[in-house]
């Protein structure tokens, strides 16, 4: 480290004048106005699309061919009261995918777009009778609820019991759950 050290200095940069900066900014703004990412497409005209729902009937919607199928389902929901996640649209036997548009729809065809649907979460619960709600699952009714042998629930898991529910002494556990917890409750297996 002698006296022969060289000090490096960054070169001096001159700040552009205020007038020069304004003209550069104005030129940049003009160039940005001239740029376009996509050419403007002419406004798409609406086409009458017929829909047929089995068991409900048919209806017609005025749609643009550039409309995505997921948006068509949301519009069709208002007409047929079917949730979009439970419906499939078929055009000439072909399932229309969510990301597609209606450009593949044949406007001269006499065939309507078929709306196929599932029952949804409430329709898939099954059973012909409504479920009976037991008021207090920790106390057994004297004679049970009428017709409720399968509606009694376990106090451990809440699963419906049927014949595999141990009710004696107010245990109210499924058989498998009782085998796991019997020693903790105080029961002893003798043989």
N, C-alpha and C. Protein backbone atom coordinates (compact mmCIF):
# COMPACT_ATOMS: atom_id res chain seq x y z
N UNK A 1 0.83 -1.18 0.00
CA UNK A 1 0.00 0.00 0.00
C UNK A 1 0.88 1.25 0.00
N UNK A 2 1.47 1.50 -0.96
CA UNK A 2 2.33 2.68 -1.01
C UNK A 2 1.57 3.89 -1.50
N UNK A 3 2.33 4.81 -1.94
CA UNK A 3 1.73 6.04 -2.43
C UNK A 3 1.29 5.93 -3.87
N UNK A 4 1.48 4.75 -4.44
CA UNK A 4 1.13 4.59 -5.85
C UNK A 4 -0.29 4.07 -6.06
N UNK A 5 -1.18 4.32 -5.14
CA UNK A 5 -2.57 3.87 -5.29
C UNK A 5 -3.28 4.76 -6.29
N UNK A 6 -4.09 4.10 -7.10
CA UNK A 6 -4.89 4.84 -8.07
C UNK A 6 -6.34 4.87 -7.60
N UNK A 7 -6.90 5.96 -7.68
CA UNK A 7 -8.31 6.09 -7.31
C UNK A 7 -9.13 6.10 -8.59
N UNK A 8 -10.12 5.21 -8.64
CA UNK A 8 -10.99 5.16 -9.81
C UNK A 8 -12.23 5.98 -9.52
N UNK A 9 -12.52 6.84 -10.46
CA UNK A 9 -13.72 7.65 -10.31
C UNK A 9 -14.68 7.32 -11.43
N UNK A 10 -15.97 7.28 -11.10
CA UNK A 10 -16.94 7.04 -12.16
C UNK A 10 -16.98 8.25 -13.08
N UNK A 11 -17.27 8.03 -14.37
CA UNK A 11 -17.34 9.17 -15.28
C UNK A 11 -18.51 10.06 -14.90
N UNK A 12 -18.36 11.31 -15.14
CA UNK A 12 -19.40 12.27 -14.82
C UNK A 12 -20.49 12.20 -15.88
N UNK A 13 -21.71 12.07 -15.43
CA UNK A 13 -22.85 12.05 -16.34
C UNK A 13 -23.58 13.37 -16.22
N UNK A 14 -23.88 13.92 -17.36
CA UNK A 14 -24.61 15.17 -17.33
C UNK A 14 -26.10 14.87 -17.35
N UNK A 15 -26.82 15.51 -16.53
CA UNK A 15 -28.28 15.36 -16.52
C UNK A 15 -28.82 16.08 -17.75
N UNK A 16 -29.78 15.45 -18.46
CA UNK A 16 -30.35 16.11 -19.62
C UNK A 16 -31.11 17.35 -19.18
N UNK A 17 -31.17 18.26 -20.07
CA UNK A 17 -31.89 19.48 -19.73
C UNK A 17 -33.37 19.18 -19.62
N UNK A 18 -34.08 20.02 -18.94
CA UNK A 18 -35.50 19.83 -18.71
C UNK A 18 -36.28 19.83 -20.02
N UNK A 19 -35.89 20.70 -20.93
CA UNK A 19 -36.57 20.78 -22.23
C UNK A 19 -36.36 19.48 -23.02
N UNK A 20 -35.12 18.98 -23.02
CA UNK A 20 -34.80 17.75 -23.74
C UNK A 20 -35.58 16.56 -23.16
N UNK A 21 -35.73 16.48 -21.83
CA UNK A 21 -36.47 15.40 -21.18
C UNK A 21 -37.95 15.44 -21.56
N UNK A 22 -38.52 16.64 -21.64
CA UNK A 22 -39.93 16.75 -22.01
C UNK A 22 -40.19 16.32 -23.44
N UNK A 23 -39.31 16.68 -24.33
CA UNK A 23 -39.50 16.28 -25.74
C UNK A 23 -39.32 14.78 -25.89
N UNK A 24 -38.41 14.17 -25.13
CA UNK A 24 -38.25 12.72 -25.18
C UNK A 24 -39.51 12.03 -24.64
N UNK A 25 -40.08 12.55 -23.59
CA UNK A 25 -41.28 11.95 -23.00
C UNK A 25 -42.46 12.09 -23.97
N UNK A 26 -42.59 13.23 -24.62
CA UNK A 26 -43.69 13.42 -25.57
C UNK A 26 -43.54 12.48 -26.76
N UNK A 27 -42.32 12.28 -27.24
CA UNK A 27 -42.08 11.37 -28.36
C UNK A 27 -42.41 9.93 -27.95
N UNK A 28 -42.06 9.58 -26.73
CA UNK A 28 -42.35 8.23 -26.24
C UNK A 28 -43.85 8.00 -26.12
N UNK A 29 -44.58 8.99 -25.66
CA UNK A 29 -46.04 8.87 -25.53
C UNK A 29 -46.66 8.70 -26.91
N UNK A 30 -46.18 9.43 -27.90
CA UNK A 30 -46.70 9.30 -29.28
C UNK A 30 -46.45 7.90 -29.83
N UNK A 31 -45.26 7.38 -29.57
CA UNK A 31 -44.94 6.04 -30.05
C UNK A 31 -45.83 4.99 -29.38
N UNK A 32 -46.11 5.16 -28.11
CA UNK A 32 -46.95 4.20 -27.39
C UNK A 32 -48.39 4.24 -27.90
N UNK A 33 -48.88 5.40 -28.30
CA UNK A 33 -50.23 5.49 -28.85
C UNK A 33 -50.34 4.75 -30.17
N UNK A 34 -49.25 4.79 -30.95
CA UNK A 34 -49.28 4.14 -32.25
C UNK A 34 -49.23 2.61 -32.14
N UNK A 35 -48.69 2.10 -31.03
CA UNK A 35 -48.58 0.65 -30.85
C UNK A 35 -49.92 0.06 -30.47
N UNK A 36 -50.21 -1.10 -31.02
CA UNK A 36 -51.41 -1.85 -30.64
C UNK A 36 -51.03 -3.31 -30.56
N UNK A 37 -51.53 -3.98 -29.56
CA UNK A 37 -51.23 -5.40 -29.41
C UNK A 37 -52.00 -6.24 -30.41
N UNK A 38 -53.25 -5.93 -30.60
CA UNK A 38 -54.09 -6.69 -31.51
C UNK A 38 -54.88 -5.71 -32.35
N UNK A 39 -55.19 -6.17 -33.53
CA UNK A 39 -56.06 -5.35 -34.35
C UNK A 39 -57.46 -5.41 -33.77
N UNK A 40 -58.13 -4.31 -33.83
CA UNK A 40 -59.48 -4.28 -33.28
C UNK A 40 -60.40 -5.07 -34.19
N UNK A 41 -61.03 -6.07 -33.61
CA UNK A 41 -61.95 -6.89 -34.38
C UNK A 41 -63.29 -6.16 -34.46
N UNK A 42 -63.99 -6.32 -35.57
CA UNK A 42 -65.30 -5.71 -35.63
C UNK A 42 -66.22 -6.35 -34.59
N UNK A 43 -67.15 -5.59 -34.11
CA UNK A 43 -68.05 -6.09 -33.07
C UNK A 43 -68.79 -7.32 -33.59
N UNK A 44 -68.71 -8.40 -32.83
CA UNK A 44 -69.33 -9.64 -33.25
C UNK A 44 -70.84 -9.52 -33.12
N UNK A 45 -71.51 -9.98 -34.13
CA UNK A 45 -72.96 -9.89 -34.11
C UNK A 45 -73.53 -11.05 -33.31
N UNK A 46 -74.68 -10.84 -32.73
CA UNK A 46 -75.31 -11.87 -31.93
C UNK A 46 -76.02 -12.88 -32.81
N UNK A 47 -75.99 -14.11 -32.37
CA UNK A 47 -76.64 -15.21 -33.08
C UNK A 47 -77.61 -15.87 -32.10
N UNK A 48 -78.78 -16.22 -32.59
CA UNK A 48 -79.75 -16.90 -31.74
C UNK A 48 -79.36 -18.37 -31.63
N UNK A 49 -79.06 -18.81 -30.42
CA UNK A 49 -78.66 -20.19 -30.17
C UNK A 49 -79.77 -20.86 -29.38
N UNK A 50 -80.25 -21.98 -29.91
CA UNK A 50 -81.31 -22.73 -29.23
C UNK A 50 -80.71 -23.77 -28.32
N UNK A 51 -81.32 -23.94 -27.14
CA UNK A 51 -80.89 -24.93 -26.16
C UNK A 51 -82.07 -25.83 -25.84
N UNK A 52 -81.80 -27.13 -25.67
CA UNK A 52 -82.83 -28.10 -25.33
C UNK A 52 -82.40 -28.81 -24.06
N UNK A 53 -83.25 -28.74 -23.03
CA UNK A 53 -83.00 -29.41 -21.75
C UNK A 53 -84.03 -30.52 -21.62
N UNK A 54 -83.56 -31.75 -21.41
CA UNK A 54 -84.51 -32.86 -21.31
C UNK A 54 -85.33 -32.72 -20.04
N UNK A 55 -86.62 -32.84 -20.20
CA UNK A 55 -87.54 -32.74 -19.07
C UNK A 55 -87.95 -31.33 -18.73
N UNK A 56 -87.27 -30.32 -19.25
CA UNK A 56 -87.59 -28.94 -18.92
C UNK A 56 -88.17 -28.22 -20.13
N UNK A 57 -87.64 -28.47 -21.30
CA UNK A 57 -88.10 -27.79 -22.50
C UNK A 57 -86.93 -27.14 -23.21
N UNK A 58 -87.22 -26.15 -24.04
CA UNK A 58 -86.16 -25.49 -24.77
C UNK A 58 -86.26 -23.98 -24.58
N UNK A 59 -85.15 -23.31 -24.83
CA UNK A 59 -85.11 -21.86 -24.75
C UNK A 59 -84.07 -21.36 -25.73
N UNK A 60 -84.05 -20.07 -25.96
CA UNK A 60 -83.15 -19.48 -26.94
C UNK A 60 -82.42 -18.30 -26.30
N UNK A 61 -81.12 -18.18 -26.61
CA UNK A 61 -80.31 -17.08 -26.10
C UNK A 61 -79.64 -16.37 -27.27
N UNK A 62 -79.54 -15.07 -27.21
CA UNK A 62 -78.84 -14.27 -28.21
C UNK A 62 -77.39 -14.12 -27.74
N UNK A 63 -76.46 -14.80 -28.46
CA UNK A 63 -75.07 -14.84 -28.02
C UNK A 63 -74.13 -14.49 -29.17
N UNK A 64 -72.96 -14.03 -28.82
CA UNK A 64 -71.89 -13.81 -29.79
C UNK A 64 -71.16 -15.14 -29.98
N UNK A 65 -70.65 -15.39 -31.19
CA UNK A 65 -69.92 -16.63 -31.42
C UNK A 65 -68.56 -16.64 -30.72
N UNK A 66 -68.10 -15.49 -30.26
CA UNK A 66 -66.83 -15.42 -29.54
C UNK A 66 -67.01 -15.68 -28.04
N UNK A 67 -68.22 -15.98 -27.60
CA UNK A 67 -68.49 -16.23 -26.18
C UNK A 67 -67.94 -17.58 -25.77
N UNK A 68 -67.25 -17.63 -24.64
CA UNK A 68 -66.71 -18.89 -24.12
C UNK A 68 -67.83 -19.75 -23.56
N UNK A 69 -67.63 -21.06 -23.62
CA UNK A 69 -68.66 -22.01 -23.17
C UNK A 69 -68.94 -21.83 -21.68
N UNK A 70 -67.91 -21.50 -20.88
CA UNK A 70 -68.15 -21.31 -19.44
C UNK A 70 -69.09 -20.13 -19.19
N UNK A 71 -69.01 -19.09 -20.06
CA UNK A 71 -69.93 -17.95 -19.92
C UNK A 71 -71.32 -18.32 -20.41
N UNK A 72 -71.39 -19.18 -21.43
CA UNK A 72 -72.69 -19.63 -21.93
C UNK A 72 -73.42 -20.40 -20.85
N UNK A 73 -72.69 -21.23 -20.10
CA UNK A 73 -73.31 -22.00 -19.02
C UNK A 73 -73.88 -21.08 -17.95
N UNK A 74 -73.15 -20.00 -17.63
CA UNK A 74 -73.65 -19.05 -16.63
C UNK A 74 -74.91 -18.35 -17.12
N UNK A 75 -74.99 -18.04 -18.41
CA UNK A 75 -76.19 -17.42 -18.95
C UNK A 75 -77.35 -18.41 -19.01
N UNK A 76 -77.04 -19.67 -19.35
CA UNK A 76 -78.08 -20.69 -19.44
C UNK A 76 -78.63 -21.04 -18.06
N UNK A 77 -77.84 -20.84 -17.02
CA UNK A 77 -78.29 -21.13 -15.65
C UNK A 77 -79.54 -20.32 -15.31
N UNK A 78 -79.58 -19.08 -15.77
CA UNK A 78 -80.73 -18.22 -15.47
C UNK A 78 -82.01 -18.73 -16.13
N UNK A 79 -81.87 -19.41 -17.25
CA UNK A 79 -83.04 -19.87 -17.98
C UNK A 79 -83.54 -21.24 -17.52
N UNK A 80 -82.62 -22.13 -17.07
CA UNK A 80 -83.05 -23.50 -16.76
C UNK A 80 -82.82 -23.90 -15.31
N UNK A 81 -82.28 -23.01 -14.46
CA UNK A 81 -82.06 -23.28 -13.03
C UNK A 81 -81.20 -24.51 -12.78
N UNK A 82 -80.15 -24.68 -13.58
CA UNK A 82 -79.18 -25.76 -13.39
C UNK A 82 -77.83 -25.09 -13.15
N UNK A 83 -77.14 -25.50 -12.11
CA UNK A 83 -75.84 -24.92 -11.80
C UNK A 83 -74.85 -25.26 -12.92
N UNK A 84 -73.97 -24.32 -13.30
CA UNK A 84 -73.04 -24.55 -14.40
C UNK A 84 -72.10 -25.74 -14.18
N UNK A 85 -71.71 -26.01 -12.94
CA UNK A 85 -70.82 -27.14 -12.71
C UNK A 85 -71.52 -28.49 -12.88
N UNK A 86 -72.84 -28.50 -12.95
CA UNK A 86 -73.59 -29.75 -13.13
C UNK A 86 -74.08 -29.92 -14.56
N UNK A 87 -73.71 -29.02 -15.47
CA UNK A 87 -74.23 -29.13 -16.83
C UNK A 87 -73.12 -29.36 -17.84
N UNK A 88 -73.48 -30.12 -18.90
CA UNK A 88 -72.61 -30.33 -20.05
C UNK A 88 -73.39 -29.91 -21.29
N UNK A 89 -72.73 -29.25 -22.22
CA UNK A 89 -73.38 -28.81 -23.45
C UNK A 89 -72.91 -29.69 -24.59
N UNK A 90 -73.87 -30.21 -25.37
CA UNK A 90 -73.57 -31.08 -26.51
C UNK A 90 -74.08 -30.40 -27.78
N UNK A 91 -73.19 -30.26 -28.76
CA UNK A 91 -73.57 -29.71 -30.05
C UNK A 91 -73.28 -30.78 -31.10
N UNK A 92 -74.31 -31.29 -31.75
CA UNK A 92 -74.20 -32.36 -32.75
C UNK A 92 -73.47 -33.57 -32.19
N UNK A 93 -73.75 -33.93 -30.95
CA UNK A 93 -73.17 -35.12 -30.33
C UNK A 93 -71.77 -34.90 -29.77
N UNK A 94 -71.22 -33.71 -29.86
CA UNK A 94 -69.88 -33.42 -29.36
C UNK A 94 -69.98 -32.56 -28.12
N UNK A 95 -69.25 -32.94 -27.07
CA UNK A 95 -69.26 -32.19 -25.81
C UNK A 95 -68.42 -30.92 -26.00
N UNK A 96 -69.00 -29.77 -25.66
CA UNK A 96 -68.28 -28.50 -25.74
C UNK A 96 -67.49 -28.31 -24.47
N UNK A 97 -66.20 -28.04 -24.60
CA UNK A 97 -65.33 -27.88 -23.44
C UNK A 97 -65.44 -26.45 -22.91
N UNK A 98 -65.09 -26.28 -21.63
CA UNK A 98 -65.22 -24.99 -20.95
C UNK A 98 -64.43 -23.88 -21.65
N UNK A 99 -63.24 -24.21 -22.16
CA UNK A 99 -62.37 -23.18 -22.72
C UNK A 99 -62.71 -22.85 -24.18
N UNK A 100 -63.56 -23.64 -24.81
CA UNK A 100 -63.92 -23.38 -26.21
C UNK A 100 -64.88 -22.21 -26.32
N UNK A 101 -65.04 -21.72 -27.55
CA UNK A 101 -66.02 -20.68 -27.83
C UNK A 101 -67.12 -21.27 -28.69
N UNK A 102 -68.13 -20.49 -28.98
CA UNK A 102 -69.25 -20.97 -29.80
C UNK A 102 -68.97 -20.89 -31.29
N UNK A 103 -67.72 -20.61 -31.68
CA UNK A 103 -67.40 -20.52 -33.10
C UNK A 103 -67.60 -21.85 -33.81
N UNK A 104 -67.56 -22.97 -33.09
CA UNK A 104 -67.78 -24.27 -33.70
C UNK A 104 -69.27 -24.58 -33.88
N UNK A 105 -70.15 -23.72 -33.36
CA UNK A 105 -71.60 -23.93 -33.46
C UNK A 105 -72.06 -23.66 -34.89
N UNK A 106 -72.83 -24.57 -35.45
CA UNK A 106 -73.35 -24.43 -36.80
C UNK A 106 -74.64 -23.62 -36.75
N UNK A 107 -74.60 -22.40 -37.27
CA UNK A 107 -75.76 -21.51 -37.17
C UNK A 107 -76.90 -21.92 -38.09
N UNK A 108 -76.61 -22.64 -39.19
CA UNK A 108 -77.66 -23.05 -40.12
C UNK A 108 -78.34 -24.35 -39.69
N UNK A 109 -77.79 -25.01 -38.69
CA UNK A 109 -78.33 -26.30 -38.26
C UNK A 109 -79.67 -26.12 -37.55
N UNK A 110 -80.54 -27.09 -37.74
CA UNK A 110 -81.84 -27.11 -37.05
C UNK A 110 -81.71 -27.69 -35.64
N UNK A 111 -80.57 -28.34 -35.37
CA UNK A 111 -80.36 -28.99 -34.08
C UNK A 111 -80.09 -27.95 -33.00
N UNK A 112 -80.66 -28.19 -31.84
CA UNK A 112 -80.43 -27.32 -30.69
C UNK A 112 -79.24 -27.87 -29.89
N UNK A 113 -78.59 -27.01 -29.15
CA UNK A 113 -77.53 -27.45 -28.24
C UNK A 113 -78.21 -28.14 -27.07
N UNK A 114 -77.83 -29.38 -26.82
CA UNK A 114 -78.45 -30.14 -25.73
C UNK A 114 -77.74 -29.84 -24.42
N UNK A 115 -78.52 -29.64 -23.38
CA UNK A 115 -77.98 -29.40 -22.04
C UNK A 115 -78.20 -30.66 -21.24
N UNK A 116 -77.10 -31.36 -20.94
CA UNK A 116 -77.16 -32.56 -20.11
C UNK A 116 -76.74 -32.13 -18.70
N UNK A 117 -77.37 -32.71 -17.68
CA UNK A 117 -77.06 -32.30 -16.31
C UNK A 117 -77.15 -33.46 -15.36
N UNK A 118 -76.43 -33.32 -14.23
CA UNK A 118 -76.53 -34.29 -13.15
C UNK A 118 -77.44 -33.69 -12.08
N UNK A 119 -77.79 -34.49 -11.13
CA UNK A 119 -78.74 -34.06 -10.11
C UNK A 119 -78.15 -33.05 -9.15
N UNK A 120 -76.84 -33.00 -9.03
CA UNK A 120 -76.23 -32.07 -8.09
C UNK A 120 -76.09 -32.69 -6.71
N UNK A 121 -75.51 -31.94 -5.80
CA UNK A 121 -75.21 -32.51 -4.49
C UNK A 121 -76.45 -32.83 -3.69
N UNK A 122 -77.52 -32.06 -3.81
CA UNK A 122 -78.72 -32.34 -3.02
C UNK A 122 -79.48 -33.53 -3.59
N UNK A 123 -79.43 -33.73 -4.90
CA UNK A 123 -80.13 -34.85 -5.50
C UNK A 123 -79.40 -36.17 -5.34
N UNK A 124 -78.11 -36.11 -5.04
CA UNK A 124 -77.33 -37.34 -4.92
C UNK A 124 -77.32 -37.90 -3.50
N UNK A 125 -78.05 -37.29 -2.58
CA UNK A 125 -78.07 -37.78 -1.20
C UNK A 125 -78.79 -39.11 -1.09
N UNK A 126 -79.76 -39.34 -1.95
CA UNK A 126 -80.43 -40.63 -1.99
C UNK A 126 -81.49 -40.78 -0.92
N UNK A 127 -82.20 -41.90 -1.01
CA UNK A 127 -83.25 -42.18 -0.04
C UNK A 127 -84.58 -41.61 -0.47
N UNK A 128 -85.65 -42.28 -0.07
CA UNK A 128 -86.97 -41.81 -0.47
C UNK A 128 -87.62 -40.95 0.61
N UNK A 129 -87.12 -41.08 1.85
CA UNK A 129 -87.67 -40.28 2.94
C UNK A 129 -86.64 -39.24 3.35
N UNK A 130 -87.11 -38.12 3.82
CA UNK A 130 -86.21 -37.10 4.35
C UNK A 130 -85.56 -37.57 5.63
N UNK A 131 -84.40 -37.04 5.95
CA UNK A 131 -83.71 -37.48 7.14
C UNK A 131 -84.33 -36.84 8.38
N UNK A 132 -84.48 -37.66 9.43
CA UNK A 132 -85.03 -37.18 10.69
C UNK A 132 -83.87 -36.68 11.55
N UNK A 133 -84.01 -35.49 12.07
CA UNK A 133 -82.94 -34.91 12.88
C UNK A 133 -83.20 -35.24 14.35
N UNK A 134 -82.28 -35.95 14.96
CA UNK A 134 -82.41 -36.29 16.37
C UNK A 134 -81.98 -35.07 17.19
N UNK A 135 -82.72 -34.74 18.23
CA UNK A 135 -82.45 -33.51 18.96
C UNK A 135 -81.16 -33.59 19.77
N UNK A 136 -81.01 -34.60 20.60
CA UNK A 136 -79.83 -34.73 21.44
C UNK A 136 -79.22 -36.11 21.20
N UNK A 137 -78.06 -36.18 20.54
CA UNK A 137 -77.50 -37.50 20.22
C UNK A 137 -76.91 -38.21 21.43
N UNK A 138 -76.79 -37.54 22.59
CA UNK A 138 -76.18 -38.16 23.76
C UNK A 138 -77.19 -38.75 24.72
N UNK A 139 -78.46 -38.62 24.44
CA UNK A 139 -79.46 -39.27 25.29
C UNK A 139 -80.34 -40.14 24.40
N UNK A 140 -80.63 -41.32 24.90
CA UNK A 140 -81.46 -42.23 24.11
C UNK A 140 -82.93 -41.99 24.44
N UNK A 141 -83.77 -41.92 23.42
CA UNK A 141 -85.19 -41.81 23.70
C UNK A 141 -85.69 -43.12 24.31
N UNK A 142 -86.78 -43.05 25.04
CA UNK A 142 -87.29 -44.23 25.74
C UNK A 142 -87.59 -45.35 24.76
N UNK A 143 -88.31 -45.06 23.74
CA UNK A 143 -88.64 -46.08 22.76
C UNK A 143 -88.03 -45.78 21.40
N UNK A 144 -87.17 -44.82 21.31
CA UNK A 144 -86.57 -44.49 20.02
C UNK A 144 -87.49 -43.61 19.20
N UNK A 145 -86.95 -43.11 18.13
CA UNK A 145 -87.75 -42.34 17.20
C UNK A 145 -88.43 -43.32 16.26
N UNK A 146 -89.68 -43.06 15.86
CA UNK A 146 -90.35 -44.03 15.01
C UNK A 146 -89.61 -44.22 13.69
N UNK A 147 -89.32 -45.48 13.39
CA UNK A 147 -88.63 -45.82 12.15
C UNK A 147 -87.22 -45.30 12.07
N UNK A 148 -86.55 -45.17 13.22
CA UNK A 148 -85.24 -44.51 13.21
C UNK A 148 -84.10 -45.43 13.61
N UNK A 149 -84.27 -46.72 13.41
CA UNK A 149 -83.21 -47.62 13.83
C UNK A 149 -81.90 -47.26 13.13
N UNK A 150 -81.95 -46.89 11.85
CA UNK A 150 -80.74 -46.54 11.12
C UNK A 150 -80.35 -45.09 11.28
N UNK A 151 -81.19 -44.28 11.93
CA UNK A 151 -80.89 -42.87 12.08
C UNK A 151 -80.16 -42.54 13.37
N UNK A 152 -79.96 -43.53 14.24
CA UNK A 152 -79.22 -43.26 15.47
C UNK A 152 -77.75 -43.10 15.13
N UNK A 153 -77.13 -42.10 15.71
CA UNK A 153 -75.73 -41.84 15.34
C UNK A 153 -74.80 -42.11 16.51
N UNK A 154 -73.56 -42.40 16.17
CA UNK A 154 -72.53 -42.66 17.17
C UNK A 154 -72.10 -41.34 17.80
N UNK A 155 -71.82 -41.38 19.14
CA UNK A 155 -71.37 -40.16 19.78
C UNK A 155 -69.90 -39.89 19.50
N UNK A 156 -69.16 -40.88 19.02
CA UNK A 156 -67.74 -40.68 18.69
C UNK A 156 -67.56 -40.07 17.30
N UNK A 157 -68.10 -40.74 16.30
CA UNK A 157 -67.84 -40.31 14.93
C UNK A 157 -69.03 -39.62 14.28
N UNK A 158 -70.21 -39.79 14.84
CA UNK A 158 -71.40 -39.21 14.24
C UNK A 158 -71.96 -40.05 13.11
N UNK A 159 -71.33 -41.21 12.83
CA UNK A 159 -71.81 -42.08 11.76
C UNK A 159 -73.12 -42.73 12.18
N UNK A 160 -73.96 -43.00 11.18
CA UNK A 160 -75.23 -43.65 11.49
C UNK A 160 -74.98 -45.09 11.90
N UNK A 161 -75.77 -45.56 12.86
CA UNK A 161 -75.47 -46.83 13.48
C UNK A 161 -76.15 -48.03 12.89
N UNK A 162 -77.48 -48.01 12.81
CA UNK A 162 -78.18 -49.24 12.42
C UNK A 162 -78.07 -50.26 13.52
N UNK A 163 -77.81 -51.53 13.16
CA UNK A 163 -77.73 -52.60 14.15
C UNK A 163 -76.36 -52.68 14.80
N UNK A 164 -75.36 -51.97 14.30
CA UNK A 164 -74.01 -52.07 14.86
C UNK A 164 -73.75 -51.01 15.91
N UNK A 165 -74.79 -50.38 16.42
CA UNK A 165 -74.63 -49.35 17.44
C UNK A 165 -74.90 -49.96 18.82
N UNK A 166 -73.96 -49.81 19.74
CA UNK A 166 -74.13 -50.31 21.11
C UNK A 166 -74.83 -49.23 21.91
N UNK A 167 -76.07 -49.54 22.34
CA UNK A 167 -76.87 -48.55 23.06
C UNK A 167 -76.94 -48.81 24.55
N UNK A 168 -76.55 -50.02 24.99
CA UNK A 168 -76.69 -50.40 26.39
C UNK A 168 -75.86 -49.46 27.27
N UNK A 169 -76.38 -49.08 28.42
CA UNK A 169 -75.77 -48.18 29.38
C UNK A 169 -75.53 -46.79 28.78
N UNK A 170 -76.20 -46.47 27.71
CA UNK A 170 -76.03 -45.15 27.09
C UNK A 170 -74.69 -44.96 26.40
N UNK A 171 -74.07 -46.07 25.97
CA UNK A 171 -72.75 -45.98 25.34
C UNK A 171 -72.83 -45.27 23.98
N UNK A 172 -73.79 -45.62 23.16
CA UNK A 172 -74.03 -45.00 21.85
C UNK A 172 -72.76 -44.91 21.00
N UNK A 173 -72.10 -46.06 20.83
CA UNK A 173 -70.91 -46.13 19.99
C UNK A 173 -71.08 -47.25 18.98
N UNK A 174 -70.43 -47.08 17.84
CA UNK A 174 -70.39 -48.18 16.89
C UNK A 174 -69.56 -49.31 17.49
N UNK A 175 -69.78 -50.52 17.03
CA UNK A 175 -69.11 -51.68 17.59
C UNK A 175 -67.59 -51.56 17.50
N UNK A 176 -67.10 -51.11 16.36
CA UNK A 176 -65.64 -50.99 16.17
C UNK A 176 -65.06 -49.91 17.11
N UNK A 177 -65.79 -48.82 17.27
CA UNK A 177 -65.32 -47.75 18.15
C UNK A 177 -65.30 -48.21 19.61
N UNK A 178 -66.30 -49.01 19.99
CA UNK A 178 -66.35 -49.51 21.36
C UNK A 178 -65.16 -50.43 21.64
N UNK A 179 -64.78 -51.27 20.67
CA UNK A 179 -63.64 -52.18 20.86
C UNK A 179 -62.35 -51.39 21.10
N UNK A 180 -62.23 -50.22 20.44
CA UNK A 180 -61.03 -49.40 20.62
C UNK A 180 -61.01 -48.70 21.99
N UNK A 181 -62.15 -48.25 22.47
CA UNK A 181 -62.21 -47.40 23.66
C UNK A 181 -62.68 -48.12 24.92
N UNK A 182 -62.99 -49.42 24.85
CA UNK A 182 -63.59 -50.13 25.99
C UNK A 182 -62.71 -50.07 27.23
N UNK A 183 -61.40 -50.30 27.09
CA UNK A 183 -60.52 -50.29 28.27
C UNK A 183 -60.42 -48.90 28.88
N UNK A 184 -60.42 -47.85 28.04
CA UNK A 184 -60.35 -46.49 28.57
C UNK A 184 -61.61 -46.13 29.34
N UNK A 185 -62.75 -46.69 28.93
CA UNK A 185 -64.01 -46.41 29.61
C UNK A 185 -64.05 -47.17 30.94
N UNK A 186 -63.40 -48.35 31.00
CA UNK A 186 -63.40 -49.11 32.24
C UNK A 186 -63.91 -50.54 32.07
N UNK A 187 -64.16 -50.98 30.87
CA UNK A 187 -64.60 -52.34 30.64
C UNK A 187 -63.38 -53.26 30.57
N UNK A 188 -63.56 -54.48 31.07
CA UNK A 188 -62.47 -55.47 31.06
C UNK A 188 -62.95 -56.68 30.29
N UNK A 189 -62.10 -57.18 29.41
CA UNK A 189 -62.43 -58.37 28.63
C UNK A 189 -61.90 -59.58 29.39
N UNK A 190 -62.78 -60.56 29.70
CA UNK A 190 -62.39 -61.70 30.51
C UNK A 190 -61.97 -62.92 29.73
N UNK A 191 -62.41 -63.11 28.51
CA UNK A 191 -61.93 -64.32 27.83
C UNK A 191 -61.58 -64.07 26.40
